[in-house]
């Protein structure tokens, strides 16, 4: 997720949105505001994971949200030029995605992923030569994730949703059909740039993970959205005891929700893990079921899990009042056939693997400090301006550059004041506070500093080694395709035609975009991601050409999709990182 402000000069900004952006820039805590239901909401929370609620400041500003599509030839306060606007601010993302398809019963609601978590170089990251610096995973992605569509009757298009039913699929080309849908992302967070509450890592050395669920509080056709809770998010870390660290619901999250505790599942780089996502009985729920994630670390023999149940504090938000209602989220579809998608999401997916990117820029120095007041006796200093060789490859922020700030930024060695974390490994910025992304594409992810193989080199980290997903009795998915919503974020793209759209982004100084590769090793097929273009029995699918062409004429918004490909691989589980 990298939310982007439109860069072609055409912006519609509500007065309330301007007030919020100013408050966010200077870390002004908005007072609690009355909800339509007559109660009040905390000043900070997750009523809008994009950070643009008119009544609440985002508690965890670097949140990776689900991208929202626009509708071409539909122009109102929420969408025009095929793009979606949250309170006048463009919300776009950079999400290279591989989606898997299957007609097998259960393939849309029961999936297992197996992968080896990647390792970083032994050397610390460097900031000297864009394109050839030492890089670590936290610079490349804040959150690789696995997805599944979930039912949510209070989410777009605000219709009933029968769990595990293909009848929920939207009609192609329609702006109002399909079951009420939520976007579940089982996110992984790399080590090295803590703390998670206002940055992206659980600590300096471990991977961790969380179950996130995003909904959309808009009427069909995006004719009207609740400006107080446009994209509410549920959030809970994967825990060894299955108990959230804090309240997960959009209206109830607090700093504890985003702070790992002694029961948070921490995983080592190089560990072999499985991630099982399925519908499960709610303990003591009288036959009720809810979506569950179980993560097994086969290297350390630890197990973590989280169920998206009302009993665990999960809730969906009223489209009219934003009021939280306890809710058991369940998988939306029976199968993962093409067309079974979340109708409001830019990424046309149900079962997919994805690497959130476009969030980090390495710096040599920072200016413009400010204080983030996270709660009583809990604050952190951040900076808003990055200086260094990466920043110098693009025009200065502001003016003709759509990027207006680099915040949140932190210096190398920072232990984050009262949060007392492991020290940050490098000086860098998350580009999340004011425009939610690296709008001029000058950060580390847009240079060829990605893995070149499964093992780390002296310069670049090793890739994830990911088996193809399975469903039911270890059956693989029959087809797959790659896609990316990168073009939605490009200031050179008109949003109504293919003109100015490209992969990589036309205005990217590094002229690089990461891609999937498939290797057929002695133990079978597995996936890698980054810049892996050589090796025996390797198929890189044309590198960035794998994302195909801009499908705006078909979809109504800028979205690159590659061709649907048959899965010709044998079943495999990577037991170790290949040599």
Protein backbone atom coordinates (compact mmCIF):
# COMPACT_ATOMS: atom_id res chain seq x y z
CA UNK A 1 0.00 0.00 0.00
CA UNK A 2 1.34 3.30 -0.89
CA UNK A 3 -1.45 5.84 -0.86
CA UNK A 4 -0.78 8.54 -3.43
CA UNK A 5 -1.93 12.10 -3.91
CA UNK A 6 -2.81 12.90 -7.49
CA UNK A 7 0.08 14.62 -9.19
CA UNK A 8 -1.52 16.21 -12.26
CA UNK A 9 -2.84 19.25 -10.44
CA UNK A 10 -6.51 18.25 -10.43
CA UNK A 11 -7.60 17.80 -6.83
CA UNK A 12 -10.89 18.16 -5.03
CA UNK A 13 -10.24 18.74 -1.35
CA UNK A 14 -12.92 19.02 1.30
CA UNK A 15 -12.30 21.67 3.96
CA UNK A 16 -12.41 18.99 6.64
CA UNK A 17 -9.72 17.01 4.84
CA UNK A 18 -7.45 20.04 4.80
CA UNK A 19 -7.90 20.43 8.56
CA UNK A 20 -7.03 16.78 9.09
CA UNK A 21 -3.92 16.89 6.91
CA UNK A 22 -2.64 19.94 8.78
CA UNK A 23 -3.34 18.20 12.09
CA UNK A 24 -1.46 15.12 10.95
CA UNK A 25 1.52 17.12 9.67
CA UNK A 26 1.99 18.82 13.02
CA UNK A 27 0.91 15.86 15.17
CA UNK A 28 -2.11 17.69 16.55
CA UNK A 29 -4.31 15.21 18.36
CA UNK A 30 -7.90 15.72 17.27
CA UNK A 31 -10.42 15.74 20.12
CA UNK A 32 -12.89 12.92 20.51
CA UNK A 33 -15.87 13.53 18.26
CA UNK A 34 -19.48 12.51 18.63
CA UNK A 35 -20.55 9.70 16.34
CA UNK A 36 -23.88 9.60 14.52
CA UNK A 37 -24.98 7.01 17.07
CA UNK A 38 -24.69 9.58 19.84
CA UNK A 39 -21.53 8.24 21.48
CA UNK A 40 -17.94 9.33 21.09
CA UNK A 41 -14.87 7.85 19.47
CA UNK A 42 -11.22 8.03 20.58
CA UNK A 43 -9.11 10.79 19.08
CA UNK A 44 -6.89 8.15 17.46
CA UNK A 45 -7.86 4.77 16.06
CA UNK A 46 -8.56 2.84 12.85
CA UNK A 47 -11.88 4.21 11.60
CA UNK A 48 -10.03 5.07 8.40
CA UNK A 49 -6.78 3.24 7.78
CA UNK A 50 -5.89 5.84 5.12
CA UNK A 51 -5.71 8.42 7.90
CA UNK A 52 -8.34 10.75 6.44
CA UNK A 53 -11.26 10.42 8.84
CA UNK A 54 -12.84 13.77 9.68
CA UNK A 55 -13.29 12.77 13.34
CA UNK A 56 -10.26 10.62 14.13
CA UNK A 57 -6.52 10.66 13.52
CA UNK A 58 -4.94 7.35 12.53
CA UNK A 59 -3.21 5.67 15.47
CA UNK A 60 -0.96 3.55 13.26
CA UNK A 61 -0.22 5.83 10.32
CA UNK A 62 2.09 3.39 8.44
CA UNK A 63 -0.79 0.88 8.09
CA UNK A 64 -0.84 -1.09 4.85
CA UNK A 65 -4.41 -0.65 3.61
CA UNK A 66 -6.28 -2.35 0.78
CA UNK A 67 -6.37 -0.25 -2.39
CA UNK A 68 -9.76 1.15 -3.47
CA UNK A 69 -10.72 1.21 -7.14
CA UNK A 70 -12.47 4.01 -8.99
CA UNK A 71 -15.07 3.75 -11.73
CA UNK A 72 -14.41 5.29 -15.10
CA UNK A 73 -17.12 7.64 -16.37
CA UNK A 74 -18.38 7.97 -12.79
CA UNK A 75 -17.52 11.39 -11.39
CA UNK A 76 -18.53 12.48 -7.91
CA UNK A 77 -16.89 13.55 -4.66
CA UNK A 78 -15.37 10.08 -4.22
CA UNK A 79 -14.23 9.03 -7.67
CA UNK A 80 -13.17 10.58 -10.94
CA UNK A 81 -10.64 9.71 -13.63
CA UNK A 82 -10.96 6.06 -12.58
CA UNK A 83 -9.45 6.81 -9.15
CA UNK A 84 -10.85 6.84 -5.63
CA UNK A 85 -10.56 9.83 -3.28
CA UNK A 86 -10.88 9.65 0.50
CA UNK A 87 -12.09 13.04 1.73
CA UNK A 88 -10.53 14.72 -1.28
CA UNK A 89 -7.18 12.94 -1.05
CA UNK A 90 -6.22 10.35 -3.62
CA UNK A 91 -5.77 6.89 -2.14
CA UNK A 92 -3.70 4.59 -4.29
CA UNK A 93 -1.23 1.83 -3.70
CA UNK A 94 1.65 -0.06 -5.21
CA UNK A 95 0.78 -3.73 -4.91
CA UNK A 96 2.50 -6.21 -7.22
CA UNK A 97 0.30 -9.28 -6.88
CA UNK A 98 0.07 -12.92 -8.02
CA UNK A 99 -3.48 -14.26 -7.90
CA UNK A 100 -4.32 -17.98 -7.99
CA UNK A 101 -7.44 -19.45 -9.59
CA UNK A 102 -9.30 -22.73 -9.10
CA UNK A 103 -12.77 -24.16 -9.65
CA UNK A 104 -12.33 -26.75 -6.89
CA UNK A 105 -14.84 -26.56 -4.06
CA UNK A 106 -13.22 -24.99 -1.00
CA UNK A 107 -10.41 -23.29 -2.93
CA UNK A 108 -11.86 -19.87 -2.04
CA UNK A 109 -12.02 -20.45 1.70
CA UNK A 110 -9.29 -22.93 2.67
CA UNK A 111 -5.72 -22.26 1.55
CA UNK A 112 -2.26 -23.12 2.86
CA UNK A 113 0.94 -21.27 2.01
CA UNK A 114 4.42 -22.64 2.74
CA UNK A 115 7.54 -20.50 2.57
CA UNK A 116 11.01 -19.83 3.88
CA UNK A 117 11.33 -16.38 5.46
CA UNK A 118 14.17 -14.44 3.82
CA UNK A 119 17.44 -13.34 5.37
CA UNK A 120 19.21 -9.98 5.10
CA UNK A 121 22.90 -9.37 4.32
CA UNK A 122 25.21 -9.47 7.33
CA UNK A 123 26.32 -5.92 6.51
CA UNK A 124 24.21 -2.97 7.63
CA UNK A 125 22.28 -1.03 4.97
CA UNK A 126 24.17 1.75 3.19
CA UNK A 127 23.13 5.09 1.70
CA UNK A 128 25.60 6.11 -0.99
CA UNK A 129 24.87 4.73 -4.45
CA UNK A 130 21.21 4.27 -5.45
CA UNK A 131 20.85 0.96 -7.25
CA UNK A 132 23.87 -0.71 -5.65
CA UNK A 133 23.60 0.03 -1.92
CA UNK A 134 23.37 -2.72 0.69
CA UNK A 135 19.63 -3.21 1.25
CA UNK A 136 17.49 -5.02 3.84
CA UNK A 137 13.91 -6.28 3.54
CA UNK A 138 12.36 -3.47 5.60
CA UNK A 139 13.48 -1.05 2.87
CA UNK A 140 11.76 -3.05 0.14
CA UNK A 141 8.37 -3.84 1.63
CA UNK A 142 6.57 -3.00 4.88
CA UNK A 143 4.23 -5.99 4.52
CA UNK A 144 4.24 -9.00 2.20
CA UNK A 145 0.77 -10.52 2.54
CA UNK A 146 -1.65 -13.30 1.64
CA UNK A 147 -5.25 -12.37 0.87
CA UNK A 148 -8.78 -13.76 1.01
CA UNK A 149 -12.19 -12.15 0.43
CA UNK A 150 -14.43 -12.12 3.52
CA UNK A 151 -18.14 -11.38 3.95
CA UNK A 152 -19.11 -8.04 5.48
CA UNK A 153 -22.71 -6.91 5.03
CA UNK A 154 -21.74 -3.41 6.23
CA UNK A 155 -19.09 -3.04 3.52
CA UNK A 156 -19.40 -2.11 -0.15
CA UNK A 157 -21.76 -2.64 -1.89
CA UNK A 158 -23.76 -2.88 1.38
CA UNK A 159 -25.60 -6.06 0.42
CA UNK A 160 -26.16 -9.38 2.21
CA UNK A 161 -23.33 -11.89 1.89
CA UNK A 162 -23.71 -15.65 2.33
CA UNK A 163 -20.38 -17.13 3.53
CA UNK A 164 -18.56 -19.55 1.25
CA UNK A 165 -20.86 -18.93 -1.72
CA UNK A 166 -19.90 -18.07 -5.30
CA UNK A 167 -23.27 -16.32 -5.59
CA UNK A 168 -21.53 -13.31 -4.00
CA UNK A 169 -19.48 -12.62 -7.15
CA UNK A 170 -20.08 -9.18 -8.70
CA UNK A 171 -21.36 -8.86 -12.26
CA UNK A 172 -18.50 -7.74 -14.56
CA UNK A 173 -18.75 -4.04 -15.33
CA UNK A 174 -21.33 -3.38 -12.61
CA UNK A 175 -20.72 -0.68 -10.00
CA UNK A 176 -23.19 -2.04 -7.46
CA UNK A 177 -23.46 -5.85 -7.59
CA UNK A 178 -21.96 -8.61 -5.48
CA UNK A 179 -22.05 -9.47 -1.80
CA UNK A 180 -20.82 -7.09 0.88
CA UNK A 181 -17.05 -7.68 0.92
CA UNK A 182 -14.04 -7.13 3.16
CA UNK A 183 -10.40 -7.52 2.16
CA UNK A 184 -8.38 -9.77 4.47
CA UNK A 185 -4.59 -9.48 4.38
CA UNK A 186 -2.44 -11.81 6.49
CA UNK A 187 0.56 -9.52 6.66
CA UNK A 188 4.21 -10.29 7.47
CA UNK A 189 6.48 -7.57 8.90
CA UNK A 190 10.26 -7.55 8.38
CA UNK A 191 12.80 -6.85 11.15
CA UNK A 192 15.08 -3.85 11.48
CA UNK A 193 12.97 -0.67 11.67
CA UNK A 194 10.88 -0.69 14.89
CA UNK A 195 8.61 0.14 16.65
CA UNK A 196 5.52 -1.18 14.94
CA UNK A 197 3.16 1.29 16.59
CA UNK A 198 4.53 4.16 14.47
CA UNK A 199 6.91 2.38 12.11
CA UNK A 200 6.98 -1.10 10.52
CA UNK A 201 8.94 -3.71 12.53
CA UNK A 202 8.15 -5.65 15.69
CA UNK A 203 11.85 -5.58 16.66
CA UNK A 204 15.35 -5.52 15.19
CA UNK A 205 15.77 -9.23 14.43
CA UNK A 206 12.44 -11.06 13.99
CA UNK A 207 9.63 -11.34 11.47
CA UNK A 208 6.11 -11.06 12.91
CA UNK A 209 2.63 -11.15 11.38
CA UNK A 210 -0.93 -9.91 11.78
CA UNK A 211 -4.46 -10.49 10.56
CA UNK A 212 -5.90 -7.30 9.02
CA UNK A 213 -9.38 -6.79 7.57
CA UNK A 214 -10.35 -3.69 5.58
CA UNK A 215 -13.92 -2.68 4.70
CA UNK A 216 -15.36 0.17 2.62
CA UNK A 217 -18.19 2.36 3.92
CA UNK A 218 -19.53 3.65 0.62
CA UNK A 219 -22.85 3.31 -1.16
CA UNK A 220 -23.00 1.43 -4.51
CA UNK A 221 -21.28 3.30 -7.30
CA UNK A 222 -19.32 5.27 -4.70
CA UNK A 223 -22.08 7.86 -4.79
CA UNK A 224 -21.70 8.56 -1.08
CA UNK A 225 -19.04 7.53 1.45
CA UNK A 226 -19.00 8.03 5.19
CA UNK A 227 -16.28 10.65 5.60
CA UNK A 228 -15.70 9.61 9.21
CA UNK A 229 -14.95 5.95 8.55
CA UNK A 230 -14.33 5.43 4.83
CA UNK A 231 -12.00 2.42 5.13
CA UNK A 232 -12.14 0.98 8.68
CA UNK A 233 -9.64 -1.72 9.59
CA UNK A 234 -9.53 -4.57 12.11
CA UNK A 235 -6.01 -5.47 13.25
CA UNK A 236 -4.55 -8.21 15.47
CA UNK A 237 -1.07 -9.75 15.68
CA UNK A 238 -0.76 -13.52 15.26
CA UNK A 239 -0.37 -14.75 18.84
CA UNK A 240 0.83 -18.00 20.39
CA UNK A 241 -2.23 -17.90 22.69
CA UNK A 242 -4.67 -16.54 20.07
CA UNK A 243 -5.48 -13.52 22.24
CA UNK A 244 -5.13 -10.04 20.64
CA UNK A 245 -2.59 -7.72 22.28
CA UNK A 246 -5.28 -5.03 22.33
CA UNK A 247 -8.77 -4.46 21.00
CA UNK A 248 -8.74 -5.20 17.22
CA UNK A 249 -11.92 -3.36 16.15
CA UNK A 250 -11.74 -0.10 14.14
CA UNK A 251 -13.40 1.95 16.90
CA UNK A 252 -11.55 0.32 19.80
CA UNK A 253 -7.89 -0.15 18.79
CA UNK A 254 -5.31 1.42 21.06
CA UNK A 255 -1.53 1.45 21.36
CA UNK A 256 -1.63 -2.06 22.87
CA UNK A 257 -3.25 -3.31 19.64
CA UNK A 258 -0.11 -2.35 17.72
CA UNK A 259 2.42 -3.33 20.38
CA UNK A 260 3.76 -6.94 20.42
CA UNK A 261 3.71 -8.71 23.78
CA UNK A 262 5.25 -11.90 25.15
CA UNK A 263 2.69 -14.02 23.26
CA UNK A 264 3.27 -12.46 19.83
CA UNK A 265 4.64 -15.02 17.39
CA UNK A 266 8.19 -13.94 16.48
CA UNK A 267 9.93 -15.78 13.64
CA UNK A 268 13.57 -15.87 12.59
CA UNK A 269 14.89 -15.09 9.13
CA UNK A 270 15.42 -18.43 7.42
CA UNK A 271 12.58 -20.20 9.26
CA UNK A 272 10.25 -22.48 7.28
CA UNK A 273 6.62 -21.59 8.00
CA UNK A 274 3.13 -22.60 6.91
CA UNK A 275 0.16 -20.24 6.87
CA UNK A 276 -3.28 -21.90 6.92
CA UNK A 277 -6.32 -19.65 6.30
CA UNK A 278 -9.80 -21.15 6.70
CA UNK A 279 -13.24 -20.95 8.33
CA UNK A 280 -13.26 -22.48 11.83
CA UNK A 281 -15.76 -23.05 14.67
CA UNK A 282 -15.83 -20.31 17.28
CA UNK A 283 -14.99 -21.87 20.68
CA UNK A 284 -18.15 -21.85 22.76
CA UNK A 285 -19.98 -20.17 19.89
CA UNK A 286 -22.86 -22.61 19.59
CA UNK A 287 -21.95 -23.67 16.08
CA UNK A 288 -20.90 -20.21 14.82
CA UNK A 289 -17.82 -20.02 12.60
CA UNK A 290 -15.24 -17.32 11.86
CA UNK A 291 -12.20 -16.88 9.65
CA UNK A 292 -8.95 -18.06 11.25
CA UNK A 293 -5.24 -17.91 10.47
CA UNK A 294 -2.82 -20.50 11.87
CA UNK A 295 0.91 -19.91 11.41
CA UNK A 296 3.28 -22.80 12.16
CA UNK A 297 7.01 -22.21 12.40
CA UNK A 298 8.35 -25.62 11.37
CA UNK A 299 11.89 -24.58 12.31
CA UNK A 300 11.26 -23.50 15.92
CA UNK A 301 8.09 -25.62 16.35
CA UNK A 302 6.11 -22.59 17.52
CA UNK A 303 2.49 -22.04 16.55
CA UNK A 304 0.48 -18.83 16.44
CA UNK A 305 -3.10 -18.16 15.48
CA UNK A 306 -5.85 -15.54 15.38
CA UNK A 307 -9.59 -15.85 14.73
CA UNK A 308 -11.58 -12.91 13.35
CA UNK A 309 -14.48 -13.46 15.75
CA UNK A 310 -16.73 -11.19 17.79
CA UNK A 311 -15.47 -13.04 20.86
CA UNK A 312 -11.95 -11.79 20.04
CA UNK A 313 -13.17 -8.21 19.66
CA UNK A 314 -13.48 -8.09 15.86
CA UNK A 315 -16.23 -5.80 14.58
CA UNK A 316 -17.62 -4.24 11.46
CA UNK A 317 -18.57 -0.59 11.24
CA UNK A 318 -22.00 0.83 10.49
CA UNK A 319 -21.98 2.58 7.12
CA UNK A 320 -24.26 5.29 8.50
CA UNK A 321 -22.83 5.92 11.98
CA UNK A 322 -19.38 4.23 12.08
CA UNK A 323 -20.60 2.47 15.23
CA UNK A 324 -18.79 -0.81 15.85
CA UNK A 325 -20.85 -3.98 15.81
CA UNK A 326 -19.31 -7.27 17.04
CA UNK A 327 -18.97 -9.54 14.02
CA UNK A 328 -17.76 -12.96 12.96
CA UNK A 329 -15.98 -12.48 9.64
CA UNK A 330 -16.16 -15.52 7.32
CA UNK A 331 -14.72 -16.38 3.88
CA UNK A 332 -16.89 -15.00 1.10
CA UNK A 333 -16.44 -17.58 -1.66
CA UNK A 334 -16.54 -21.32 -2.17
CA UNK A 335 -14.09 -21.40 -5.08
CA UNK A 336 -11.28 -19.17 -6.28
CA UNK A 337 -12.56 -19.02 -9.84
CA UNK A 338 -11.89 -15.91 -11.92
CA UNK A 339 -14.38 -13.16 -11.11
CA UNK A 340 -14.69 -14.09 -7.43
CA UNK A 341 -13.19 -10.83 -6.18
CA UNK A 342 -13.68 -8.00 -3.69
CA UNK A 343 -15.77 -5.66 -5.89
CA UNK A 344 -14.37 -2.43 -4.45
CA UNK A 345 -10.67 -3.36 -4.44
CA UNK A 346 -8.23 -2.26 -7.14
CA UNK A 347 -6.45 -5.61 -7.00
CA UNK A 348 -8.87 -8.11 -8.59
CA UNK A 349 -8.19 -10.95 -6.19
CA UNK A 350 -9.45 -13.49 -3.71
CA UNK A 351 -6.55 -15.88 -3.07
CA UNK A 352 -3.27 -14.11 -3.75
CA UNK A 353 0.29 -13.40 -2.62
CA UNK A 354 1.47 -9.81 -2.74
CA UNK A 355 4.37 -7.54 -1.77
CA UNK A 356 3.29 -4.14 -0.51
CA UNK A 357 5.96 -1.72 -1.74
CA UNK A 358 6.87 1.90 -2.35
CA UNK A 359 7.19 2.94 1.28
CA UNK A 360 10.85 3.47 2.14
CA UNK A 361 13.53 6.00 1.23
CA UNK A 362 17.07 5.83 2.62
CA UNK A 363 18.60 9.14 3.74
CA UNK A 364 21.89 10.56 5.01
CA UNK A 365 20.29 13.29 7.15
CA UNK A 366 16.86 14.54 8.25
CA UNK A 367 15.28 17.92 9.01
CA UNK A 368 11.94 19.28 10.27
CA UNK A 369 11.36 17.36 13.52
CA UNK A 370 7.94 16.95 15.11
CA UNK A 371 6.41 14.95 17.94
CA UNK A 372 3.91 12.14 17.56
CA UNK A 373 1.73 11.97 20.69
CA UNK A 374 0.65 8.32 20.72
CA UNK A 375 -1.02 8.33 24.12
CA UNK A 376 -0.57 9.31 27.77
CA UNK A 377 3.15 9.45 28.53
CA UNK A 378 3.86 7.87 25.13
CA UNK A 379 5.42 10.01 22.41
CA UNK A 380 7.99 9.76 19.66
CA UNK A 381 10.00 12.28 17.62
CA UNK A 382 9.96 11.96 13.85
CA UNK A 383 11.28 14.08 10.99
CA UNK A 384 9.60 15.18 7.76
CA UNK A 385 12.42 15.83 5.30
CA UNK A 386 14.92 13.38 3.82
CA UNK A 387 18.28 14.47 2.42
CA UNK A 388 20.70 12.27 0.53
CA UNK A 389 21.51 10.62 -2.81
CA UNK A 390 18.07 9.00 -3.27
CA UNK A 391 16.19 12.24 -2.66
CA UNK A 392 18.47 14.04 -5.11
CA UNK A 393 17.47 11.74 -8.01
CA UNK A 394 13.99 13.34 -8.19
CA UNK A 395 12.75 16.95 -8.22
CA UNK A 396 12.46 18.62 -4.80
CA UNK A 397 9.28 17.87 -2.87
CA UNK A 398 6.45 20.27 -3.62
CA UNK A 399 6.16 22.46 -6.70
CA UNK A 400 5.85 20.17 -9.72
CA UNK A 401 6.59 17.12 -7.58
CA UNK A 402 3.39 15.51 -6.20
CA UNK A 403 5.26 14.50 -3.04
CA UNK A 404 4.88 17.08 -0.27
CA UNK A 405 6.61 15.36 2.64
CA UNK A 406 8.78 12.36 3.51
CA UNK A 407 7.39 11.73 7.03
CA UNK A 408 7.64 9.54 9.01
CA UNK A 409 11.46 9.70 9.09
CA UNK A 410 13.84 8.36 11.76
CA UNK A 411 17.65 8.49 12.16
CA UNK A 412 19.92 5.46 12.36
CA UNK A 413 20.28 4.29 15.95
CA UNK A 414 16.97 5.83 17.01
CA UNK A 415 15.39 4.01 19.98
CA UNK A 416 12.21 6.12 19.76
CA UNK A 417 12.07 8.01 23.02
CA UNK A 418 9.68 6.60 25.58
CA UNK A 419 9.04 3.57 23.36
CA UNK A 420 12.61 2.32 24.03
CA UNK A 421 12.97 0.02 21.01
CA UNK A 422 15.82 -1.76 19.28
CA UNK A 423 17.84 0.86 17.36
CA UNK A 424 16.93 1.57 13.74
CA UNK A 425 19.53 0.19 11.33
CA UNK A 426 19.52 3.11 8.90
CA UNK A 427 18.32 6.69 8.51
CA UNK A 428 15.17 6.57 6.43
CA UNK A 429 11.61 7.66 5.77
CA UNK A 430 8.34 5.75 5.49
CA UNK A 431 6.57 8.34 3.27
CA UNK A 432 3.28 7.67 5.06
CA UNK A 433 2.06 10.65 7.04
CA UNK A 434 0.80 13.22 4.55
CA UNK A 435 0.53 11.48 1.19
CA UNK A 436 0.91 7.85 2.21
CA UNK A 437 3.61 6.90 -0.25
CA UNK A 438 6.71 7.57 -2.30
CA UNK A 439 5.05 9.70 -4.96
CA UNK A 440 8.20 10.45 -6.95
CA UNK A 441 9.42 6.83 -6.92
CA UNK A 442 12.91 7.72 -5.71
CA UNK A 443 13.00 5.32 -2.76
CA UNK A 444 14.85 2.03 -2.36
CA UNK A 445 12.04 -0.22 -3.77
CA UNK A 446 12.27 1.44 -7.19
CA UNK A 447 15.96 0.65 -7.64
CA UNK A 448 17.43 -2.79 -8.45
CA UNK A 449 18.31 -3.48 -4.82
CA UNK A 450 16.04 -6.52 -4.56
CA UNK A 451 17.09 -10.17 -4.08
CA UNK A 452 18.88 -11.83 -6.99
CA UNK A 453 18.39 -15.33 -5.57
CA UNK A 454 17.19 -17.29 -2.53
CA UNK A 455 20.31 -16.59 -0.45
CA UNK A 456 21.52 -13.13 0.63
CA UNK A 457 24.61 -11.71 -1.05
CA UNK A 458 27.04 -9.20 0.41
CA UNK A 459 24.74 -6.50 -0.96
CA UNK A 460 21.16 -7.73 -1.32
CA UNK A 461 18.87 -9.87 0.84
CA UNK A 462 17.72 -13.32 -0.13
CA UNK A 463 14.28 -13.86 -1.61
CA UNK A 464 11.27 -15.49 -0.04
CA UNK A 465 11.15 -19.11 -1.17
CA UNK A 466 7.45 -19.75 -1.53
CA UNK A 467 5.70 -22.97 -2.52
CA UNK A 468 2.62 -22.70 -4.69
CA UNK A 469 -0.51 -22.55 -2.49
CA UNK A 470 -2.65 -25.60 -1.84
CA UNK A 471 -6.27 -26.17 -0.89
CA UNK A 472 -8.16 -29.13 0.56
CA UNK A 473 -6.11 -32.30 0.33
CA UNK A 474 -2.92 -30.49 -0.72
CA UNK A 475 -4.35 -29.74 -4.17
CA UNK A 476 -2.69 -26.95 -6.10
CA UNK A 477 -4.48 -24.13 -7.87
CA UNK A 478 -4.84 -24.73 -11.60
CA UNK A 479 -4.10 -21.20 -12.87
CA UNK A 480 -2.54 -17.88 -11.86
CA UNK A 481 -1.82 -14.39 -13.17
CA UNK A 482 0.17 -11.32 -12.12
CA UNK A 483 -1.21 -7.81 -11.69
CA UNK A 484 -0.27 -4.43 -10.23
CA UNK A 485 -2.13 -1.21 -9.42
CA UNK A 486 1.05 0.86 -9.84
CA UNK A 487 -0.47 2.97 -12.64
CA UNK A 488 -3.11 4.35 -10.31
CA UNK A 489 -0.32 6.14 -8.43
CA UNK A 490 1.53 7.59 -11.40
CA UNK A 491 1.19 11.34 -11.84
CA UNK A 492 1.97 10.82 -15.53
CA UNK A 493 -1.15 8.65 -15.97
CA UNK A 494 -4.36 10.38 -17.06
CA UNK A 495 -6.51 7.83 -15.27
CA UNK A 496 -8.85 7.67 -18.25
CA UNK A 497 -6.56 6.29 -20.97
CA UNK A 498 -3.39 4.21 -21.12
CA UNK A 499 -1.36 7.35 -21.84
CA UNK A 500 1.43 7.96 -19.35
CA UNK A 501 1.00 4.60 -17.59
CA UNK A 502 3.83 2.10 -17.33
CA UNK A 503 5.68 -0.56 -15.36
CA UNK A 504 8.12 0.68 -14.09
CA UNK A 505 6.61 4.12 -13.46
CA UNK A 506 7.69 6.51 -16.25
CA UNK A 507 9.03 9.04 -13.72
CA UNK A 508 10.94 6.48 -11.63
CA UNK A 509 14.63 7.51 -11.49
CA UNK A 510 15.74 3.90 -10.95
CA UNK A 511 13.62 2.52 -13.82
CA UNK A 512 13.11 -0.75 -11.94
CA UNK A 513 10.09 -2.74 -10.76
CA UNK A 514 10.28 -6.09 -8.89
CA UNK A 515 8.79 -9.26 -10.33
CA UNK A 516 8.11 -12.95 -9.70
CA UNK A 517 10.29 -15.82 -10.82
CA UNK A 518 9.50 -19.52 -10.70
CA UNK A 519 12.15 -22.17 -10.17
CA UNK A 520 11.77 -25.90 -10.82
CA UNK A 521 14.33 -27.34 -8.39
CA UNK A 522 15.08 -30.88 -7.31
CA UNK A 523 12.25 -30.58 -4.78
CA UNK A 524 9.72 -29.10 -7.21
CA UNK A 525 8.47 -25.61 -8.13
CA UNK A 526 8.74 -22.57 -5.90
CA UNK A 527 8.40 -18.80 -6.27
CA UNK A 528 10.88 -16.03 -5.63
CA UNK A 529 10.32 -12.26 -5.79
CA UNK A 530 12.62 -9.38 -6.55
CA UNK A 531 15.25 -9.33 -9.30
CA UNK A 532 15.84 -13.05 -9.82
CA UNK A 533 16.59 -13.50 -13.51
CA UNK A 534 19.20 -16.25 -13.76
CA UNK A 535 19.66 -19.82 -12.58
CA UNK A 536 18.86 -23.34 -13.73
CA UNK A 537 15.22 -24.09 -14.62
CA UNK A 538 14.17 -20.51 -13.87
CA UNK A 539 11.28 -18.70 -15.53
CA UNK A 540 11.08 -14.95 -14.84
CA UNK A 541 7.94 -14.54 -17.00
CA UNK A 542 9.50 -11.64 -18.89
CA UNK A 543 10.38 -9.79 -15.65
CA UNK A 544 8.24 -6.64 -15.38
CA UNK A 545 6.48 -7.61 -18.64
CA UNK A 546 4.68 -10.31 -16.59
CA UNK A 547 2.25 -7.62 -15.41
CA UNK A 548 0.81 -7.37 -18.92
CA UNK A 549 -1.01 -4.31 -20.18
CA UNK A 550 -3.15 -1.52 -18.78
CA UNK A 551 -6.73 -2.83 -18.57
CA UNK A 552 -8.48 0.53 -18.15
CA UNK A 553 -10.74 -0.08 -21.16
CA UNK A 554 -11.98 -3.32 -19.57
CA UNK A 555 -11.92 -2.46 -15.86
CA UNK A 556 -12.62 1.28 -15.88
CA UNK A 557 -9.47 2.21 -13.93
CA UNK A 558 -5.69 1.92 -14.57
CA UNK A 559 -4.66 -1.62 -13.64
CA UNK A 560 -1.98 -3.76 -15.27
CA UNK A 561 -2.92 -7.44 -15.61
CA UNK A 562 -0.93 -10.23 -17.20
CA UNK A 563 -2.40 -13.25 -18.98
CA UNK A 564 -3.94 -16.14 -17.06
CA UNK A 565 -1.37 -18.95 -17.05
CA UNK A 566 -1.83 -22.67 -16.48
CA UNK A 567 -0.02 -24.09 -13.46
CA UNK A 568 2.25 -26.77 -14.86
CA UNK A 569 4.23 -27.32 -11.64
CA UNK A 570 4.28 -30.43 -9.50
CA UNK A 571 3.30 -30.27 -5.85
CA UNK A 572 6.16 -29.09 -3.65
CA UNK A 573 7.01 -27.88 -0.20
CA UNK A 574 10.39 -26.12 0.15
CA UNK A 575 12.15 -27.85 3.02
CA UNK A 576 15.06 -25.46 3.00
CA UNK A 577 16.47 -22.58 1.01
CA UNK A 578 18.00 -24.14 -2.11
CA UNK A 579 21.71 -23.74 -2.66
